[in-house]
Protein backbone atom coordinates (compact mmCIF):
# COMPACT_ATOMS: atom_id res chain seq x y z
CA UNK A 1 0.27 0.37 -7.27
CA UNK A 2 -0.85 -2.58 -5.20
CA UNK A 3 0.05 -6.25 -5.14
CA UNK A 4 -2.13 -9.33 -4.83
CA UNK A 5 0.21 -12.28 -4.21
CA UNK A 6 2.00 -12.74 -7.60
CA UNK A 7 0.34 -9.84 -9.36
CA UNK A 8 1.21 -6.15 -9.44
CA UNK A 9 -1.74 -3.88 -10.26
CA UNK A 10 -1.15 -0.27 -11.37
CA UNK A 11 -4.23 1.98 -11.24
CA UNK A 12 -5.10 5.55 -12.16
CA UNK A 13 -5.32 7.59 -8.92
CA UNK A 14 -8.40 9.55 -9.97
CA UNK A 15 -10.52 6.78 -11.50
CA UNK A 16 -8.98 3.61 -9.97
CA UNK A 17 -9.00 2.17 -13.50
CA UNK A 18 -6.40 -0.58 -14.01
CA UNK A 19 -3.63 0.72 -16.30
CA UNK A 20 -1.16 -2.18 -16.13
CA UNK A 21 -1.14 -5.71 -14.75
CA UNK A 22 2.18 -7.49 -14.23
CA UNK A 23 2.76 -11.07 -13.12
CA UNK A 24 5.85 -11.75 -10.99
CA UNK A 25 7.75 -15.01 -10.44
CA UNK A 26 6.71 -15.39 -6.81
CA UNK A 27 4.66 -13.75 -4.07
CA UNK A 28 5.53 -10.04 -3.86
CA UNK A 29 6.75 -8.94 -0.43
CA UNK A 30 7.74 -5.34 -1.14
CA UNK A 31 7.05 -2.76 -3.86
CA UNK A 32 8.56 0.70 -4.43
CA UNK A 33 8.18 3.37 -7.14
CA UNK A 34 11.23 5.02 -8.69
CA UNK A 35 11.51 8.76 -7.97
CA UNK A 36 10.20 9.70 -11.45
CA UNK A 37 7.35 7.10 -11.31
CA UNK A 38 8.54 5.45 -14.55
CA UNK A 39 9.66 2.17 -12.94
CA UNK A 40 8.46 0.02 -10.09
CA UNK A 41 10.43 -2.67 -8.27
CA UNK A 42 8.94 -5.80 -6.75
CA UNK A 43 11.06 -7.68 -4.22
CA UNK A 44 10.57 -11.38 -3.52
CA UNK A 45 12.82 -11.90 -0.52
CA UNK A 46 12.12 -15.63 -0.19
CA UNK A 47 13.47 -16.25 -3.70
CA UNK A 48 16.24 -13.60 -3.52
CA UNK A 49 14.82 -11.93 -6.64
CA UNK A 50 13.89 -8.36 -7.61
CA UNK A 51 11.80 -7.69 -10.72
CA UNK A 52 11.56 -4.22 -12.25
CA UNK A 53 8.70 -3.09 -14.52
CA UNK A 54 8.51 -0.09 -16.84
CA UNK A 55 5.32 1.96 -17.06
CA UNK A 56 6.26 3.45 -20.45
CA UNK A 57 7.37 0.15 -22.03
CA UNK A 58 5.25 -2.71 -20.65
CA UNK A 59 7.23 -5.25 -22.68
CA UNK A 60 10.55 -4.23 -21.08
CA UNK A 61 11.40 -6.22 -18.00
CA UNK A 62 14.35 -6.72 -15.68
CA UNK A 63 15.14 -9.48 -13.23
CA UNK A 64 17.87 -9.23 -10.58
CA UNK A 65 18.77 -12.53 -8.93
CA UNK A 66 21.04 -12.35 -5.88
CA UNK A 67 21.47 -16.14 -5.98
CA UNK A 68 22.91 -17.89 -2.95
CA UNK A 69 23.70 -14.54 -1.27
CA UNK A 70 19.97 -14.12 -0.58
CA UNK A 71 18.04 -10.88 -0.13
CA UNK A 72 16.68 -9.07 2.96
CA UNK A 73 16.08 -5.51 1.67
CA UNK A 74 15.77 -3.63 -1.62
CA UNK A 75 15.33 0.05 -2.46
CA UNK A 76 15.77 2.63 -5.23
CA UNK A 77 18.50 5.22 -5.35
CA UNK A 78 17.19 8.81 -5.66
CA UNK A 79 17.90 8.96 -9.43
CA UNK A 80 15.50 6.06 -10.05
CA UNK A 81 18.06 4.20 -12.18
CA UNK A 82 19.97 2.19 -9.54
CA UNK A 83 18.72 -0.50 -7.16
CA UNK A 84 20.37 -1.25 -3.82
CA UNK A 85 19.97 -4.84 -2.59
CA UNK A 86 21.07 -5.93 0.88
CA UNK A 87 22.09 -9.60 1.01
CA UNK A 88 21.35 -12.04 3.81
CA UNK A 89 23.31 -11.64 7.07
CA UNK A 90 24.08 -8.07 5.87
CA UNK A 91 27.25 -9.26 4.13
CA UNK A 92 27.08 -6.51 1.49
CA UNK A 93 24.91 -4.04 -0.41
CA UNK A 94 24.85 -4.61 -4.18
CA UNK A 95 24.22 -1.53 -6.35
CA UNK A 96 22.72 -2.49 -9.74
CA UNK A 97 22.55 0.04 -12.58
CA UNK A 98 19.59 -0.20 -14.97
CA UNK A 99 21.37 2.02 -17.51
CA UNK A 100 24.85 0.45 -17.79
CA UNK A 101 24.06 -2.95 -16.18
CA UNK A 102 27.13 -2.41 -14.00
CA UNK A 103 27.36 -3.68 -10.41
CA UNK A 104 29.02 -2.08 -7.37
CA UNK A 105 29.46 -3.56 -3.90
CA UNK A 106 29.42 -1.94 -0.45
CA UNK A 107 30.78 -4.23 2.26
CA UNK A 108 29.76 -4.72 5.91
CA UNK A 109 26.44 -2.82 6.09
CA UNK A 110 25.09 -2.79 9.63
CA UNK A 111 21.90 -4.66 10.48
CA UNK A 112 19.95 -1.86 12.17
CA UNK A 113 16.58 -0.14 11.93
CA UNK A 114 17.72 2.59 9.53
CA UNK A 115 21.15 1.88 8.05
CA UNK A 116 20.90 3.71 4.67
CA UNK A 117 20.04 7.40 4.31
CA UNK A 118 19.99 9.63 1.20
CA UNK A 119 20.12 13.41 1.23
CA UNK A 120 16.91 15.06 0.04
CA UNK A 121 18.58 16.36 -3.14
CA UNK A 122 19.75 12.81 -3.93
CA UNK A 123 23.45 13.70 -4.17
CA UNK A 124 24.84 11.75 -1.21
CA UNK A 125 24.19 8.48 0.56
CA UNK A 126 25.26 7.54 4.09
CA UNK A 127 25.62 3.87 5.04
CA UNK A 128 26.02 2.56 8.58
CA UNK A 129 28.69 -0.17 8.75
CA UNK A 130 29.90 -2.63 11.36
CA UNK A 131 33.43 -4.05 11.16
CA UNK A 132 35.90 -5.23 13.80
CA UNK A 133 33.18 -4.77 16.47
CA UNK A 134 33.00 -1.02 15.77
CA UNK A 135 30.46 1.23 14.06
CA UNK A 136 31.43 3.27 10.99
CA UNK A 137 29.70 5.62 8.55
CA UNK A 138 30.58 5.73 4.84
CA UNK A 139 29.35 8.64 2.71
CA UNK A 140 29.08 8.00 -1.04
CA UNK A 141 28.48 10.30 -4.02
CA UNK A 142 25.35 8.89 -5.71
CA UNK A 143 26.34 9.96 -9.24
CA UNK A 144 29.25 7.50 -9.49
CA UNK A 145 29.12 5.62 -6.11
CA UNK A 146 32.58 6.86 -5.16
CA UNK A 147 33.46 6.92 -1.46
CA UNK A 148 33.55 10.51 -0.19
CA UNK A 149 34.20 9.97 3.54
CA UNK A 150 34.64 7.03 5.89
CA UNK A 151 34.80 7.54 9.67
CA UNK A 152 34.09 5.67 12.90
CA UNK A 153 31.29 6.79 15.24
CA UNK A 154 31.32 7.01 19.03
CA UNK A 155 28.41 4.59 19.41
CA UNK A 156 28.08 1.36 21.37
CA UNK A 157 25.55 -0.14 18.94
CA UNK A 158 24.40 2.31 16.25
CA UNK A 159 20.63 2.11 15.72
CA UNK A 160 19.82 4.61 12.96
CA UNK A 161 20.99 7.50 10.76
CA UNK A 162 19.01 10.38 9.24
CA UNK A 163 20.08 13.37 7.11
CA UNK A 164 18.72 16.83 7.84
CA UNK A 165 16.46 17.91 4.93
CA UNK A 166 19.10 20.46 3.79
CA UNK A 167 21.70 17.65 3.53
CA UNK A 168 24.28 19.41 5.72
CA UNK A 169 24.05 17.37 8.94
CA UNK A 170 23.74 13.65 9.60
CA UNK A 171 22.08 12.56 12.86
CA UNK A 172 23.33 9.24 14.25
CA UNK A 173 21.72 7.67 17.30
CA UNK A 174 22.64 4.78 19.55
CA UNK A 175 20.69 1.77 20.78
CA UNK A 176 17.93 2.43 23.34
CA UNK A 177 20.29 1.12 26.07
CA UNK A 178 22.57 4.16 25.55
CA UNK A 179 21.10 7.69 25.26
CA UNK A 180 23.34 9.31 22.65
CA UNK A 181 22.76 11.43 19.51
CA UNK A 182 25.78 12.36 17.38
CA UNK A 183 25.65 15.06 14.71
CA UNK A 184 28.16 14.90 11.84
CA UNK A 185 28.88 17.27 8.97
CA UNK A 186 29.11 16.11 5.35
CA UNK A 187 32.91 15.84 5.63
CA UNK A 188 32.71 13.56 8.69
CA UNK A 189 33.43 16.11 11.44
CA UNK A 190 31.62 15.54 14.74
CA UNK A 191 29.65 18.74 15.30
CA UNK A 192 28.00 17.84 18.59
CA UNK A 193 27.00 15.05 20.96
CA UNK A 194 23.78 15.12 22.96
CA UNK A 195 22.90 12.98 25.98
CA UNK A 196 19.84 13.71 28.13
CA UNK A 197 20.44 11.09 30.85
CA UNK A 198 22.22 7.81 31.60
CA UNK A 199 21.43 4.35 33.02
CA UNK A 200 17.91 4.13 31.64
CA UNK A 201 16.22 3.30 28.31
CA UNK A 202 17.04 6.10 25.90
CA UNK A 203 15.95 7.14 22.39
CA UNK A 204 12.84 5.70 20.75
CA UNK A 205 12.15 8.03 17.79
CA UNK A 206 13.73 10.97 15.94
CA UNK A 207 12.39 13.57 13.46
CA UNK A 208 13.95 16.54 11.65
CA UNK A 209 11.83 19.62 11.01
CA UNK A 210 11.42 20.36 7.25
CA UNK A 211 13.48 23.55 7.67
CA UNK A 212 16.36 21.58 9.31
CA UNK A 213 16.26 24.05 12.23
CA UNK A 214 15.03 21.56 14.83
CA UNK A 215 15.75 17.96 15.72
CA UNK A 216 13.03 16.32 17.84
CA UNK A 217 14.11 13.34 19.97
CA UNK A 218 11.46 11.10 21.51
CA UNK A 219 12.59 9.07 24.53
CA UNK A 220 11.41 6.23 26.74
CA UNK A 221 10.96 8.72 29.61
CA UNK A 222 7.80 10.05 27.86
CA UNK A 223 9.44 13.33 26.80
CA UNK A 224 10.35 14.97 23.50
CA UNK A 225 13.47 17.12 23.49
CA UNK A 226 14.00 19.75 20.78
CA UNK A 227 17.57 20.62 19.72
CA UNK A 228 18.34 23.78 17.72
CA UNK A 229 20.58 23.89 14.63
CA UNK A 230 22.92 26.64 15.87
CA UNK A 231 24.37 25.22 19.09
CA UNK A 232 22.79 21.71 18.95
CA UNK A 233 21.69 22.25 22.54
CA UNK A 234 18.23 21.56 23.94
CA UNK A 235 15.87 24.53 23.67
CA UNK A 236 12.86 22.87 25.30
CA UNK A 237 11.32 19.57 26.27
CA UNK A 238 7.72 18.48 25.90
CA UNK A 239 6.24 16.30 28.64
CA UNK A 240 3.26 13.97 28.11
CA UNK A 241 1.50 13.71 31.50
CA UNK A 242 -1.69 11.70 32.07
CA UNK A 243 -3.53 14.89 33.08
CA UNK A 244 -3.80 17.92 30.78
CA UNK A 245 -4.08 20.90 33.11
CA UNK A 246 -3.26 23.97 30.98
CA UNK A 247 -6.46 25.90 30.25
CA UNK A 248 -5.01 27.18 26.93
CA UNK A 249 -4.82 23.61 25.58
CA UNK A 250 -7.82 22.38 23.57
CA UNK A 251 -8.73 18.73 24.24
CA UNK A 252 -10.93 17.09 21.61
CA UNK A 253 -12.54 13.90 22.92
CA UNK A 254 -14.07 11.38 20.53
CA UNK A 255 -17.56 10.31 21.61
CA UNK A 256 -19.80 7.68 20.03
CA UNK A 257 -23.47 8.11 19.32
CA UNK A 258 -25.88 5.59 17.84
CA UNK A 259 -27.57 6.85 14.67
CA UNK A 260 -31.25 7.68 14.94
CA UNK A 261 -33.38 5.60 12.56
CA UNK A 262 -36.93 6.70 11.75
CA UNK A 263 -39.43 3.96 12.66
CA UNK A 264 -41.32 4.44 9.35
CA UNK A 265 -38.18 3.31 7.49
CA UNK A 266 -37.92 0.06 9.45
CA UNK A 267 -38.87 -3.01 7.45
CA UNK A 268 -38.42 -6.69 8.04
CA UNK A 269 -36.09 -8.03 6.93
CA UNK A 270 -34.21 -4.72 6.93
CA UNK A 271 -32.42 -3.65 3.75
CA UNK A 272 -28.65 -4.14 3.66
CA UNK A 273 -27.89 -0.42 3.84
CA UNK A 274 -30.31 0.06 6.74
CA UNK A 275 -28.93 -2.95 8.63
CA UNK A 276 -25.38 -1.63 8.40
CA UNK A 277 -26.48 1.82 9.59
CA UNK A 278 -28.46 0.32 12.47
CA UNK A 279 -25.46 -1.45 13.91
CA UNK A 280 -22.76 1.08 13.06
CA UNK A 281 -22.02 3.85 15.50
CA UNK A 282 -21.14 7.36 14.44
CA UNK A 283 -18.55 9.39 16.28
CA UNK A 284 -17.89 13.07 16.72
CA UNK A 285 -15.60 15.28 18.80
CA UNK A 286 -16.54 17.09 21.98
CA UNK A 287 -14.33 19.77 23.52
CA UNK A 288 -13.49 18.63 27.06
CA UNK A 289 -13.23 20.89 30.06
CA UNK A 290 -9.63 21.17 31.31
CA UNK A 291 -8.21 19.55 33.44
CA UNK A 292 -8.66 16.26 31.58
CA UNK A 293 -7.41 12.85 32.70
CA UNK A 294 -6.25 10.67 29.80
CA UNK A 295 -6.27 6.87 29.77
CA UNK A 296 -2.81 5.84 31.04
CA UNK A 297 -1.36 2.32 30.76
CA UNK A 298 1.39 1.18 33.10
CA UNK A 299 3.90 -0.75 30.97
CA UNK A 300 5.05 -4.26 31.83
CA UNK A 301 8.64 -3.57 32.87
CA UNK A 302 10.05 -7.10 32.64
CA UNK A 303 9.25 -7.58 28.91
CA UNK A 304 11.27 -6.60 25.85
CA UNK A 305 10.16 -3.52 23.86
CA UNK A 306 7.85 -2.13 26.58
CA UNK A 307 4.88 -0.02 25.41
CA UNK A 308 6.21 3.21 26.82
CA UNK A 309 7.79 6.43 25.63
CA UNK A 310 7.43 8.51 22.46
CA UNK A 311 6.82 6.01 19.65
CA UNK A 312 5.74 8.43 16.90
CA UNK A 313 6.90 11.92 15.89
CA UNK A 314 6.09 14.05 12.84
CA UNK A 315 6.53 17.74 11.92
CA UNK A 316 3.93 19.48 9.77
CA UNK A 317 5.20 20.55 6.31
CA UNK A 318 5.12 24.27 7.26
CA UNK A 319 7.23 23.69 10.44
CA UNK A 320 4.43 25.10 12.61
CA UNK A 321 3.31 21.94 14.41
CA UNK A 322 4.71 18.71 15.83
CA UNK A 323 2.47 15.66 16.33
CA UNK A 324 3.54 13.06 18.90
CA UNK A 325 2.25 9.85 20.47
CA UNK A 326 3.20 8.64 23.94
CA UNK A 327 2.85 4.84 24.00
CA UNK A 328 1.87 4.99 27.70
CA UNK A 329 -1.23 6.97 26.62
CA UNK A 330 -2.07 5.01 23.45
CA UNK A 331 -5.37 6.76 22.61
CA UNK A 332 -4.02 10.34 22.42
CA UNK A 333 -2.31 12.45 19.76
CA UNK A 334 -0.47 15.51 21.06
CA UNK A 335 -0.06 18.50 18.73
CA UNK A 336 2.53 21.09 19.74
CA UNK A 337 2.84 24.69 18.48
CA UNK A 338 6.49 24.97 17.40
CA UNK A 339 6.46 28.78 17.12
CA UNK A 340 5.35 29.16 20.76
CA UNK A 341 6.92 25.83 21.92
CA UNK A 342 3.70 24.96 23.77
CA UNK A 343 1.06 22.23 23.73
CA UNK A 344 -1.71 23.34 21.36
CA UNK A 345 -4.19 20.45 21.02
CA UNK A 346 -4.75 16.92 22.33
CA UNK A 347 -6.96 14.48 20.42
CA UNK A 348 -8.29 11.74 22.69
CA UNK A 349 -9.61 8.79 20.68
CA UNK A 350 -11.74 5.83 21.77
CA UNK A 351 -9.22 3.34 20.30
CA UNK A 352 -5.42 3.19 20.26
CA UNK A 353 -3.63 5.28 17.61
CA UNK A 354 -2.32 3.07 14.79
CA UNK A 355 -0.84 5.71 12.53
CA UNK A 356 -0.88 9.43 11.72
CA UNK A 357 0.52 11.45 8.83
CA UNK A 358 0.56 15.13 7.84
CA UNK A 359 -0.90 16.37 4.56
CA UNK A 360 2.25 17.21 2.48
CA UNK A 361 0.81 20.59 1.39
CA UNK A 362 -0.79 22.08 4.50
CA UNK A 363 -1.03 21.64 8.29
CA UNK A 364 -3.69 18.92 8.24
CA UNK A 365 -3.19 15.68 10.17
CA UNK A 366 -4.87 12.38 9.30
CA UNK A 367 -5.18 9.79 12.09
CA UNK A 368 -6.39 6.16 12.09
CA UNK A 369 -7.15 3.95 15.08
CA UNK A 370 -7.83 0.49 13.62
CA UNK A 371 -11.57 1.07 13.06
CA UNK A 372 -13.50 2.10 9.94
CA UNK A 373 -13.08 5.84 10.51
CA UNK A 374 -10.42 8.34 9.50
CA UNK A 375 -9.89 11.44 11.64
CA UNK A 376 -8.68 14.79 10.29
CA UNK A 377 -7.33 17.70 12.33
CA UNK A 378 -6.37 21.20 11.17
CA UNK A 379 -6.08 24.48 13.12
CA UNK A 380 -9.72 25.11 12.14
CA UNK A 381 -10.92 22.02 14.05
CA UNK A 382 -11.24 18.27 13.68
CA UNK A 383 -13.67 15.82 12.15
CA UNK A 384 -14.41 12.08 12.19
CA UNK A 385 -15.22 10.50 8.81
CA UNK A 386 -16.86 7.09 8.40
CA UNK A 387 -15.48 5.07 5.46
CA UNK A 388 -18.56 4.08 3.40
CA UNK A 389 -17.70 0.41 2.90
CA UNK A 390 -19.66 -2.75 3.56
CA UNK A 391 -18.20 -5.23 6.00
CA UNK A 392 -15.43 -4.71 8.50
CA UNK A 393 -12.83 -2.29 7.10
CA UNK A 394 -10.26 -1.65 9.84
CA UNK A 395 -7.80 1.09 8.85
CA UNK A 396 -4.33 0.23 10.16
CA UNK A 397 -2.28 2.73 8.10
CA UNK A 398 -2.72 5.61 5.68
CA UNK A 399 -0.71 7.47 3.06
CA UNK A 400 -1.30 10.93 1.57
CA UNK A 401 -1.03 11.62 -2.15
CA UNK A 402 1.73 14.16 -2.85
CA UNK A 403 -0.90 16.72 -3.96
CA UNK A 404 -2.78 16.46 -0.64
CA UNK A 405 -6.05 15.91 -2.57
CA UNK A 406 -6.45 12.24 -1.63
CA UNK A 407 -5.10 9.51 0.62
CA UNK A 408 -4.92 5.75 0.58
CA UNK A 409 -6.46 3.98 3.59
CA UNK A 410 -5.15 0.47 4.19
CA UNK A 411 -6.64 -2.41 6.13
CA UNK A 412 -5.09 -5.85 6.48
CA UNK A 413 -6.57 -7.16 3.21
CA UNK A 414 -8.06 -4.15 1.37
CA UNK A 415 -7.42 -0.52 0.56
CA UNK A 416 -9.61 2.38 -0.47
CA UNK A 417 -8.95 5.93 -1.64
CA UNK A 418 -10.33 8.91 0.21
CA UNK A 419 -10.73 12.06 -1.92
CA UNK A 420 -10.78 15.50 -0.32
CA UNK A 421 -12.37 18.50 -1.98
CA UNK A 422 -9.96 21.40 -2.25
CA UNK A 423 -11.33 24.66 -0.92
CA UNK A 424 -11.52 27.46 -3.47
CA UNK A 425 -9.28 30.31 -2.31
């Protein structure tokens, strides 16, 4: 699905043929599929309205108007039959049922980066709350929205919450001014508290491994710390220095080369295809000799949100690898071997990393850097792929299909689909 101002366009993934076209009441600011892909919600925050469309029954429609309360966020519940709307100033979360048309209210949700978290099986929901100048967590049963547990947290200013994939442990972390990670059980017991240091900027990113055995914490001190699920103590820390010195680490460096054009093919004026190939540069990877010095940027210390520390973290679906980005070294992706707890590969790009995401079915990482190329890494090696589009197509984010056979590449105004041939086993 994609939106063009007022219109929602639903296409077939394989053919890109338009299946449905819906017209909303105002400019769409957010869209989200239900878990079973039968419904899609379109949020229009300026108007305080959510519209829901059915793929099976195009004539069926639903409009939720929050009225004077306003709207700042909207999302599906895991069952795909309830919608959670957060009102302006975070006064409450309204839970709307598409089946019974009933409404439930959750008061005092906290305005933070990640204040709602569902367990992977969809049974429980945790909500961060702020009341009487203190942080609280409420755990609800998603089947009937009954409150299961309510407890206060030992945080100064709670910043985010995240369930472990197995749904047994809830990670809660504090603002970057206070290095603190708290781990709670489903019944609200505090299992452990972790602090790496004090009196300096703390946590920037957090990621659970798919097996729930490891919690990776990225910090402003340019390190990733890995906690284990038995003692919740640190088992190792990964540093991101400007010089890669270990000879067992493979460093792939992107290099540009101008395409060679045969003089017989040159004509004047040149054809459109030839003109674009003349001025486009191809890129490939060279393996650099270790030690390698990476491009390091000294952050401006007297500005808010300095470009420093571990801004991106992601585990591969098989738990074998962890990909990280240190914002001080914006052009590099670091890939760590989780079984050996060692640095495995560094990809050094020519441009700053915009986004990366693992293939959901295998250890294959897709990277984009704001140009018209997509980069793929797997343990077998890495490749640079030019997107065959006319004009300037700058990829700023990407998203894998759940099958791993294709991915959507997004620029500021356009998107395209990249199809990958599956190897015959």
